Amino acid sequence: MFVMYNSENYCVVEFANRHGIELVDKTTGRAGFLEGELELKIRASMADFAAGEPNLEQVDEFLGNYDSLLTNSVALH
């Protein structure tokens, strides 16, 4: 498990052994595991952000475009 991005609103975690990423919306307590072409698109966009100098609001706004895919409730163990 590798945390690719973490802000007050979102967290993106890479699961190399599962070939996907988990996107968590901290404000709503919702998460989704993304894989395949969508995962690759988000991963490429995150790499583009890392190459530049974006602010947290820009990255959070981008991740907010995927809120409708976050269908799992986050539960603390």
PDB file of N, CA and C in Angstrom:
ATOM      1  N   MET A   1       0.853  -1.169   0.000  1.00  0.00           N
ATOM      2  CA  MET A   1       0.000   0.000   0.000  1.00  0.00           C
ATOM      3  C   MET A   1       0.900   1.233   0.000  1.00  0.00           C
ATOM      4  N   PHE A   2       0.587   2.170  -0.884  1.00  0.00           N
ATOM      5  CA  PHE A   2       1.358   3.394  -1.026  1.00  0.00           C
ATOM      6  C   PHE A   2       0.386   4.563  -1.165  1.00  0.00           C
ATOM      7  N   VAL A   3       0.524   5.565  -0.314  1.00  0.00           N
ATOM      8  CA  VAL A   3      -0.330   6.752  -0.377  1.00  0.00           C
ATOM      9  C   VAL A   3       0.218   7.677  -1.466  1.00  0.00           C
ATOM     10  N   MET A   4      -0.555   7.813  -2.533  1.00  0.00           N
ATOM     11  CA  MET A   4      -0.153   8.663  -3.654  1.00  0.00           C
ATOM     12  C   MET A   4      -0.492  10.126  -3.403  1.00  0.00           C
ATOM     13  N   TYR A   5      -1.583  10.359  -2.659  1.00  0.00           N
ATOM     14  CA  TYR A   5      -2.055  11.723  -2.418  1.00  0.00           C
ATOM     15  C   TYR A   5      -2.880  11.723  -1.152  1.00  0.00           C
ATOM     16  N   ASN A   6      -2.728  12.788  -0.372  1.00  0.00           N
ATOM     17  CA  ASN A   6      -3.498  12.900   0.858  1.00  0.00           C
ATOM     18  C   ASN A   6      -3.728  14.374   1.169  1.00  0.00           C
ATOM     19  N   SER A   7      -4.992  14.764   1.289  1.00  0.00           N
ATOM     20  CA  SER A   7      -5.354  16.134   1.670  1.00  0.00           C
ATOM     21  C   SER A   7      -6.452  16.055   2.721  1.00  0.00           C
ATOM     22  N   GLU A   8      -6.981  17.182   3.099  1.00  0.00           N
ATOM     23  CA  GLU A   8      -8.096  17.188   4.060  1.00  0.00           C
ATOM     24  C   GLU A   8      -9.341  16.531   3.465  1.00  0.00           C
ATOM     25  N   ASN A   9      -9.465  16.561   2.137  1.00  0.00           N
ATOM     26  CA  ASN A   9     -10.677  16.084   1.474  1.00  0.00           C
ATOM     27  C   ASN A   9     -10.558  14.710   0.827  1.00  0.00           C
ATOM     28  N   TYR A  10      -9.384  14.377   0.302  1.00  0.00           N
ATOM     29  CA  TYR A  10      -9.223  13.141  -0.458  1.00  0.00           C
ATOM     30  C   TYR A  10      -7.944  12.410  -0.078  1.00  0.00           C
ATOM     31  N   CYS A  11      -7.983  11.107  -0.324  1.00  0.00           N
ATOM     32  CA  CYS A  11      -6.799  10.262  -0.200  1.00  0.00           C
ATOM     33  C   CYS A  11      -6.819   9.288  -1.373  1.00  0.00           C
ATOM     34  N   VAL A  12      -5.665   9.118  -2.006  1.00  0.00           N
ATOM     35  CA  VAL A  12      -5.523   8.160  -3.096  1.00  0.00           C
ATOM     36  C   VAL A  12      -4.441   7.169  -2.676  1.00  0.00           C
ATOM     37  N   VAL A  13      -4.806   5.893  -2.632  1.00  0.00           N
ATOM     38  CA  VAL A  13      -3.895   4.851  -2.173  1.00  0.00           C
ATOM     39  C   VAL A  13      -3.706   3.829  -3.287  1.00  0.00           C
ATOM     40  N   GLU A  14      -2.452   3.488  -3.530  1.00  0.00           N
ATOM     41  CA  GLU A  14      -2.120   2.491  -4.545  1.00  0.00           C
ATOM     42  C   GLU A  14      -1.984   1.122  -3.887  1.00  0.00           C
ATOM     43  N   PHE A  15      -2.579   0.138  -4.512  1.00  0.00           N
ATOM     44  CA  PHE A  15      -2.447  -1.248  -4.075  1.00  0.00           C
ATOM     45  C   PHE A  15      -1.780  -2.013  -5.218  1.00  0.00           C
ATOM     46  N   ALA A  16      -0.462  -2.093  -5.192  1.00  0.00           N
ATOM     47  CA  ALA A  16       0.293  -2.695  -6.287  1.00  0.00           C
ATOM     48  C   ALA A  16      -0.076  -4.156  -6.501  1.00  0.00           C
ATOM     49  N   ASN A  17      -0.308  -4.884  -5.423  1.00  0.00           N
ATOM     50  CA  ASN A  17      -0.623  -6.308  -5.565  1.00  0.00           C
ATOM     51  C   ASN A  17      -2.026  -6.538  -6.132  1.00  0.00           C
ATOM     52  N   ARG A  18      -2.878  -5.508  -6.148  1.00  0.00           N
ATOM     53  CA  ARG A  18      -4.229  -5.635  -6.699  1.00  0.00           C
ATOM     54  C   ARG A  18      -4.388  -4.869  -7.997  1.00  0.00           C
ATOM     55  N   HIS A  19      -3.340  -4.198  -8.454  1.00  0.00           N
ATOM     56  CA  HIS A  19      -3.354  -3.445  -9.709  1.00  0.00           C
ATOM     57  C   HIS A  19      -4.502  -2.446  -9.758  1.00  0.00           C
ATOM     58  N   GLY A  20      -4.563  -1.602  -8.749  1.00  0.00           N
ATOM     59  CA  GLY A  20      -5.600  -0.588  -8.716  1.00  0.00           C
ATOM     60  C   GLY A  20      -5.298   0.458  -7.673  1.00  0.00           C
ATOM     61  N   ILE A  21      -6.185   1.443  -7.590  1.00  0.00           N
ATOM     62  CA  ILE A  21      -6.068   2.500  -6.590  1.00  0.00           C
ATOM     63  C   ILE A  21      -7.413   2.655  -5.881  1.00  0.00           C
ATOM     64  N   GLU A  22      -7.323   3.092  -4.652  1.00  0.00           N
ATOM     65  CA  GLU A  22      -8.532   3.400  -3.901  1.00  0.00           C
ATOM     66  C   GLU A  22      -8.601   4.909  -3.745  1.00  0.00           C
ATOM     67  N   LEU A  23      -9.745   5.464  -4.072  1.00  0.00           N
ATOM     68  CA  LEU A  23      -9.999   6.891  -3.913  1.00  0.00           C
ATOM     69  C   LEU A  23     -10.977   7.047  -2.764  1.00  0.00           C
ATOM     70  N   VAL A  24     -10.608   7.860  -1.777  1.00  0.00           N
ATOM     71  CA  VAL A  24     -11.441   8.079  -0.600  1.00  0.00           C
ATOM     72  C   VAL A  24     -11.797   9.555  -0.513  1.00  0.00           C
ATOM     73  N   ASP A  25     -13.090   9.834  -0.409  1.00  0.00           N
ATOM     74  CA  ASP A  25     -13.581  11.185  -0.151  1.00  0.00           C
ATOM     75  C   ASP A  25     -13.797  11.280   1.350  1.00  0.00           C
ATOM     76  N   LYS A  26     -12.919  11.984   2.015  1.00  0.00           N
ATOM     77  CA  LYS A  26     -12.974  12.075   3.473  1.00  0.00           C
ATOM     78  C   LYS A  26     -14.176  12.875   3.961  1.00  0.00           C
ATOM     79  N   THR A  27     -14.674  13.792   3.140  1.00  0.00           N
ATOM     80  CA  THR A  27     -15.789  14.635   3.580  1.00  0.00           C
ATOM     81  C   THR A  27     -17.113  13.879   3.613  1.00  0.00           C
ATOM     82  N   THR A  28     -17.259  12.877   2.736  1.00  0.00           N
ATOM     83  CA  THR A  28     -18.509  12.113   2.698  1.00  0.00           C
ATOM     84  C   THR A  28     -18.361  10.721   3.303  1.00  0.00           C
ATOM     85  N   GLY A  29     -17.114  10.300   3.551  1.00  0.00           N
ATOM     86  CA  GLY A  29     -16.896   8.954   4.078  1.00  0.00           C
ATOM     87  C   GLY A  29     -17.167   7.876   3.056  1.00  0.00           C
ATOM     88  N   ARG A  30     -16.928   8.181   1.774  1.00  0.00           N
ATOM     89  CA  ARG A  30     -17.166   7.233   0.682  1.00  0.00           C
ATOM     90  C   ARG A  30     -15.846   6.908  -0.002  1.00  0.00           C
ATOM     91  N   ALA A  31     -15.753   5.683  -0.531  1.00  0.00           N
ATOM     92  CA  ALA A  31     -14.542   5.240  -1.211  1.00  0.00           C
ATOM     93  C   ALA A  31     -14.898   4.350  -2.387  1.00  0.00           C
ATOM     94  N   GLY A  32     -13.932   4.193  -3.281  1.00  0.00           N
ATOM     95  CA  GLY A  32     -14.105   3.300  -4.408  1.00  0.00           C
ATOM     96  C   GLY A  32     -12.764   2.762  -4.855  1.00  0.00           C
ATOM     97  N   PHE A  33     -12.746   1.500  -5.253  1.00  0.00           N
ATOM     98  CA  PHE A  33     -11.544   0.884  -5.795  1.00  0.00           C
ATOM     99  C   PHE A  33     -11.619   0.991  -7.302  1.00  0.00           C
ATOM    100  N   LEU A  34     -10.631   1.635  -7.894  1.00  0.00           N
ATOM    101  CA  LEU A  34     -10.633   1.906  -9.325  1.00  0.00           C
ATOM    102  C   LEU A  34      -9.529   1.118  -9.998  1.00  0.00           C
ATOM    103  N   GLU A  35      -9.876   0.479 -11.117  1.00  0.00           N
ATOM    104  CA  GLU A  35      -8.885  -0.313 -11.836  1.00  0.00           C
ATOM    105  C   GLU A  35      -9.116  -0.189 -13.324  1.00  0.00           C
ATOM    106  N   GLY A  36      -8.242  -0.793 -14.102  1.00  0.00           N
ATOM    107  CA  GLY A  36      -8.388  -0.766 -15.557  1.00  0.00           C
ATOM    108  C   GLY A  36      -8.050   0.596 -16.143  1.00  0.00           C
ATOM    109  N   GLU A  37      -8.747   0.942 -17.227  1.00  0.00           N
ATOM    110  CA  GLU A  37      -8.468   2.193 -17.940  1.00  0.00           C
ATOM    111  C   GLU A  37      -8.677   3.425 -17.070  1.00  0.00           C
ATOM    112  N   LEU A  38      -9.683   3.394 -16.216  1.00  0.00           N
ATOM    113  CA  LEU A  38      -9.942   4.531 -15.337  1.00  0.00           C
ATOM    114  C   LEU A  38      -8.781   4.742 -14.371  1.00  0.00           C
ATOM    115  N   GLU A  39      -8.295   3.668 -13.812  1.00  0.00           N
ATOM    116  CA  GLU A  39      -7.140   3.768 -12.909  1.00  0.00           C
ATOM    117  C   GLU A  39      -5.941   4.357 -13.643  1.00  0.00           C
ATOM    118  N   LEU A  40      -5.691   3.888 -14.844  1.00  0.00           N
ATOM    119  CA  LEU A  40      -4.552   4.394 -15.609  1.00  0.00           C
ATOM    120  C   LEU A  40      -4.699   5.882 -15.916  1.00  0.00           C
ATOM    121  N   LYS A  41      -5.927   6.308 -16.206  1.00  0.00           N
ATOM    122  CA  LYS A  41      -6.182   7.731 -16.489  1.00  0.00           C
ATOM    123  C   LYS A  41      -5.909   8.579 -15.244  1.00  0.00           C
ATOM    124  N   ILE A  42      -6.409   8.142 -14.109  1.00  0.00           N
ATOM    125  CA  ILE A  42      -6.196   8.899 -12.876  1.00  0.00           C
ATOM    126  C   ILE A  42      -4.715   8.891 -12.503  1.00  0.00           C
ATOM    127  N   ARG A  43      -4.075   7.748 -12.634  1.00  0.00           N
ATOM    128  CA  ARG A  43      -2.649   7.639 -12.323  1.00  0.00           C
ATOM    129  C   ARG A  43      -1.826   8.597 -13.196  1.00  0.00           C
ATOM    130  N   ALA A  44      -2.139   8.664 -14.499  1.00  0.00           N
ATOM    131  CA  ALA A  44      -1.424   9.569 -15.406  1.00  0.00           C
ATOM    132  C   ALA A  44      -1.663  11.025 -15.022  1.00  0.00           C
ATOM    133  N   SER A  45      -2.891  11.346 -14.658  1.00  0.00           N
ATOM    134  CA  SER A  45      -3.204  12.716 -14.239  1.00  0.00           C
ATOM    135  C   SER A  45      -2.472  13.073 -12.952  1.00  0.00           C
ATOM    136  N   MET A  46      -2.383  12.131 -12.018  1.00  0.00           N
ATOM    137  CA  MET A  46      -1.659  12.385 -10.773  1.00  0.00           C
ATOM    138  C   MET A  46      -0.166  12.606 -11.054  1.00  0.00           C
ATOM    139  N   ALA A  47       0.381  11.867 -12.024  1.00  0.00           N
ATOM    140  CA  ALA A  47       1.786  12.055 -12.410  1.00  0.00           C
ATOM    141  C   ALA A  47       1.981  13.443 -13.024  1.00  0.00           C
ATOM    142  N   ASP A  48       1.023  13.890 -13.842  1.00  0.00           N
ATOM    143  CA  ASP A  48       1.093  15.233 -14.414  1.00  0.00           C
ATOM    144  C   ASP A  48       1.057  16.290 -13.320  1.00  0.00           C
ATOM    145  N   PHE A  49       0.189  16.100 -12.331  1.00  0.00           N
ATOM    146  CA  PHE A  49       0.138  17.036 -11.208  1.00  0.00           C
ATOM    147  C   PHE A  49       1.477  17.072 -10.484  1.00  0.00           C
ATOM    148  N   ALA A  50       2.060  15.897 -10.254  1.00  0.00           N
ATOM    149  CA  ALA A  50       3.326  15.818  -9.526  1.00  0.00           C
ATOM    150  C   ALA A  50       4.458  16.504 -10.288  1.00  0.00           C
ATOM    151  N   ALA A  51       4.389  16.490 -11.615  1.00  0.00           N
ATOM    152  CA  ALA A  51       5.425  17.114 -12.430  1.00  0.00           C
ATOM    153  C   ALA A  51       5.336  18.641 -12.405  1.00  0.00           C
ATOM    154  N   GLY A  52       4.161  19.147 -12.107  1.00  0.00           N
ATOM    155  CA  GLY A  52       3.965  20.598 -12.048  1.00  0.00           C
ATOM    156  C   GLY A  52       3.953  21.091 -10.613  1.00  0.00           C
ATOM    157  N   GLU A  53       3.296  22.196 -10.422  1.00  0.00           N
ATOM    158  CA  GLU A  53       3.172  22.768  -9.083  1.00  0.00           C
ATOM    159  C   GLU A  53       1.711  23.104  -8.782  1.00  0.00           C
ATOM    160  N   PRO A  54       0.857  22.088  -8.765  1.00  0.00           N
ATOM    161  CA  PRO A  54      -0.559  22.362  -8.489  1.00  0.00           C
ATOM    162  C   PRO A  54      -0.779  22.623  -7.006  1.00  0.00           C
ATOM    163  N   ASN A  55      -1.862  23.317  -6.704  1.00  0.00           N
ATOM    164  CA  ASN A  55      -2.210  23.464  -5.297  1.00  0.00           C
ATOM    165  C   ASN A  55      -3.222  22.377  -4.938  1.00  0.00           C
ATOM    166  N   LEU A  56      -3.443  22.197  -3.658  1.00  0.00           N
ATOM    167  CA  LEU A  56      -4.344  21.138  -3.205  1.00  0.00           C
ATOM    168  C   LEU A  56      -5.746  21.297  -3.757  1.00  0.00           C
ATOM    169  N   GLU A  57      -6.208  22.526  -3.917  1.00  0.00           N
ATOM    170  CA  GLU A  57      -7.549  22.763  -4.426  1.00  0.00           C
ATOM    171  C   GLU A  57      -7.710  22.240  -5.847  1.00  0.00           C
ATOM    172  N   GLN A  58      -6.680  22.407  -6.668  1.00  0.00           N
ATOM    173  CA  GLN A  58      -6.744  21.929  -8.045  1.00  0.00           C
ATOM    174  C   GLN A  58      -6.821  20.402  -8.090  1.00  0.00           C
ATOM    175  N   VAL A  59      -6.007  19.742  -7.284  1.00  0.00           N
ATOM    176  CA  VAL A  59      -6.013  18.282  -7.268  1.00  0.00           C
ATOM    177  C   VAL A  59      -7.337  17.776  -6.701  1.00  0.00           C
ATOM    178  N   ASP A  60      -7.802  18.380  -5.608  1.00  0.00           N
ATOM    179  CA  ASP A  60      -9.086  17.979  -5.027  1.00  0.00           C
ATOM    180  C   ASP A  60     -10.233  18.183  -6.006  1.00  0.00           C
ATOM    181  N   GLU A  61     -10.199  19.277  -6.751  1.00  0.00           N
ATOM    182  CA  GLU A  61     -11.247  19.530  -7.747  1.00  0.00           C
ATOM    183  C   GLU A  61     -11.231  18.435  -8.817  1.00  0.00           C
ATOM    184  N   PHE A  62     -10.054  18.064  -9.277  1.00  0.00           N
ATOM    185  CA  PHE A  62      -9.927  16.980 -10.252  1.00  0.00           C
ATOM    186  C   PHE A  62     -10.497  15.686  -9.692  1.00  0.00           C
ATOM    187  N   LEU A  63     -10.114  15.323  -8.477  1.00  0.00           N
ATOM    188  CA  LEU A  63     -10.589  14.078  -7.866  1.00  0.00           C
ATOM    189  C   LEU A  63     -12.094  14.119  -7.626  1.00  0.00           C
ATOM    190  N   GLY A  64     -12.641  15.301  -7.383  1.00  0.00           N
ATOM    191  CA  GLY A  64     -14.077  15.458  -7.179  1.00  0.00           C
ATOM    192  C   GLY A  64     -14.893  15.031  -8.392  1.00  0.00           C
ATOM    193  N   ASN A  65     -14.273  15.022  -9.564  1.00  0.00           N
ATOM    194  CA  ASN A  65     -14.961  14.566 -10.775  1.00  0.00           C
ATOM    195  C   ASN A  65     -15.335  13.089 -10.700  1.00  0.00           C
ATOM    196  N   TYR A  66     -14.723  12.353  -9.774  1.00  0.00           N
ATOM    197  CA  TYR A  66     -14.954  10.914  -9.658  1.00  0.00           C
ATOM    198  C   TYR A  66     -15.816  10.548  -8.446  1.00  0.00           C
ATOM    199  N   ASP A  67     -16.382  11.538  -7.781  1.00  0.00           N
ATOM    200  CA  ASP A  67     -17.196  11.282  -6.588  1.00  0.00           C
ATOM    201  C   ASP A  67     -18.338  10.310  -6.838  1.00  0.00           C
ATOM    202  N   SER A  68     -18.924  10.348  -8.023  1.00  0.00           N
ATOM    203  CA  SER A  68     -20.070   9.475  -8.300  1.00  0.00           C
ATOM    204  C   SER A  68     -19.681   7.996  -8.324  1.00  0.00           C
ATOM    205  N   LEU A  69     -18.397   7.704  -8.437  1.00  0.00           N
ATOM    206  CA  LEU A  69     -17.929   6.315  -8.447  1.00  0.00           C
ATOM    207  C   LEU A  69     -17.645   5.772  -7.054  1.00  0.00           C
ATOM    208  N   LEU A  70     -17.695   6.634  -6.076  1.00  0.00           N
ATOM    209  CA  LEU A  70     -17.354   6.229  -4.708  1.00  0.00           C
ATOM    210  C   LEU A  70     -18.613   5.733  -4.005  1.00  0.00           C
ATOM    211  N   THR A  71     -18.805   4.427  -4.060  1.00  0.00           N
ATOM    212  CA  THR A  71     -20.064   3.837  -3.582  1.00  0.00           C
ATOM    213  C   THR A  71     -19.948   3.060  -2.274  1.00  0.00           C
ATOM    214  N   ASN A  72     -18.732   2.922  -1.769  1.00  0.00           N
ATOM    215  CA  ASN A  72     -18.540   2.165  -0.530  1.00  0.00           C
ATOM    216  C   ASN A  72     -18.371   3.091   0.655  1.00  0.00           C
ATOM    217  N   SER A  73     -19.046   2.792   1.742  1.00  0.00           N
ATOM    218  CA  SER A  73     -18.876   3.564   2.973  1.00  0.00           C
ATOM    219  C   SER A  73     -17.553   3.192   3.621  1.00  0.00           C
ATOM    220  N   VAL A  74     -16.864   4.196   4.137  1.00  0.00           N
ATOM    221  CA  VAL A  74     -15.612   3.964   4.843  1.00  0.00           C
ATOM    222  C   VAL A  74     -15.949   3.604   6.285  1.00  0.00           C
ATOM    223  N   ALA A  75     -15.374   2.516   6.754  1.00  0.00           N
ATOM    224  CA  ALA A  75     -15.586   2.088   8.141  1.00  0.00           C
ATOM    225  C   ALA A  75     -14.240   1.968   8.833  1.00  0.00           C
ATOM    226  N   LEU A  76     -14.180   2.426  10.050  1.00  0.00           N
ATOM    227  CA  LEU A  76     -12.960   2.284  10.839  1.00  0.00           C
ATOM    228  C   LEU A  76     -12.953   0.940  11.495  1.00  0.00           C
ATOM    229  N   HIS A  77     -11.795   0.305  11.512  1.00  0.00           N
ATOM    230  CA  HIS A  77     -11.667  -1.023  12.124  1.00  0.00           C
ATOM    231  C   HIS A  77     -11.030  -0.896  13.489  1.00  0.00           C
TER     232      HIS A  77
END
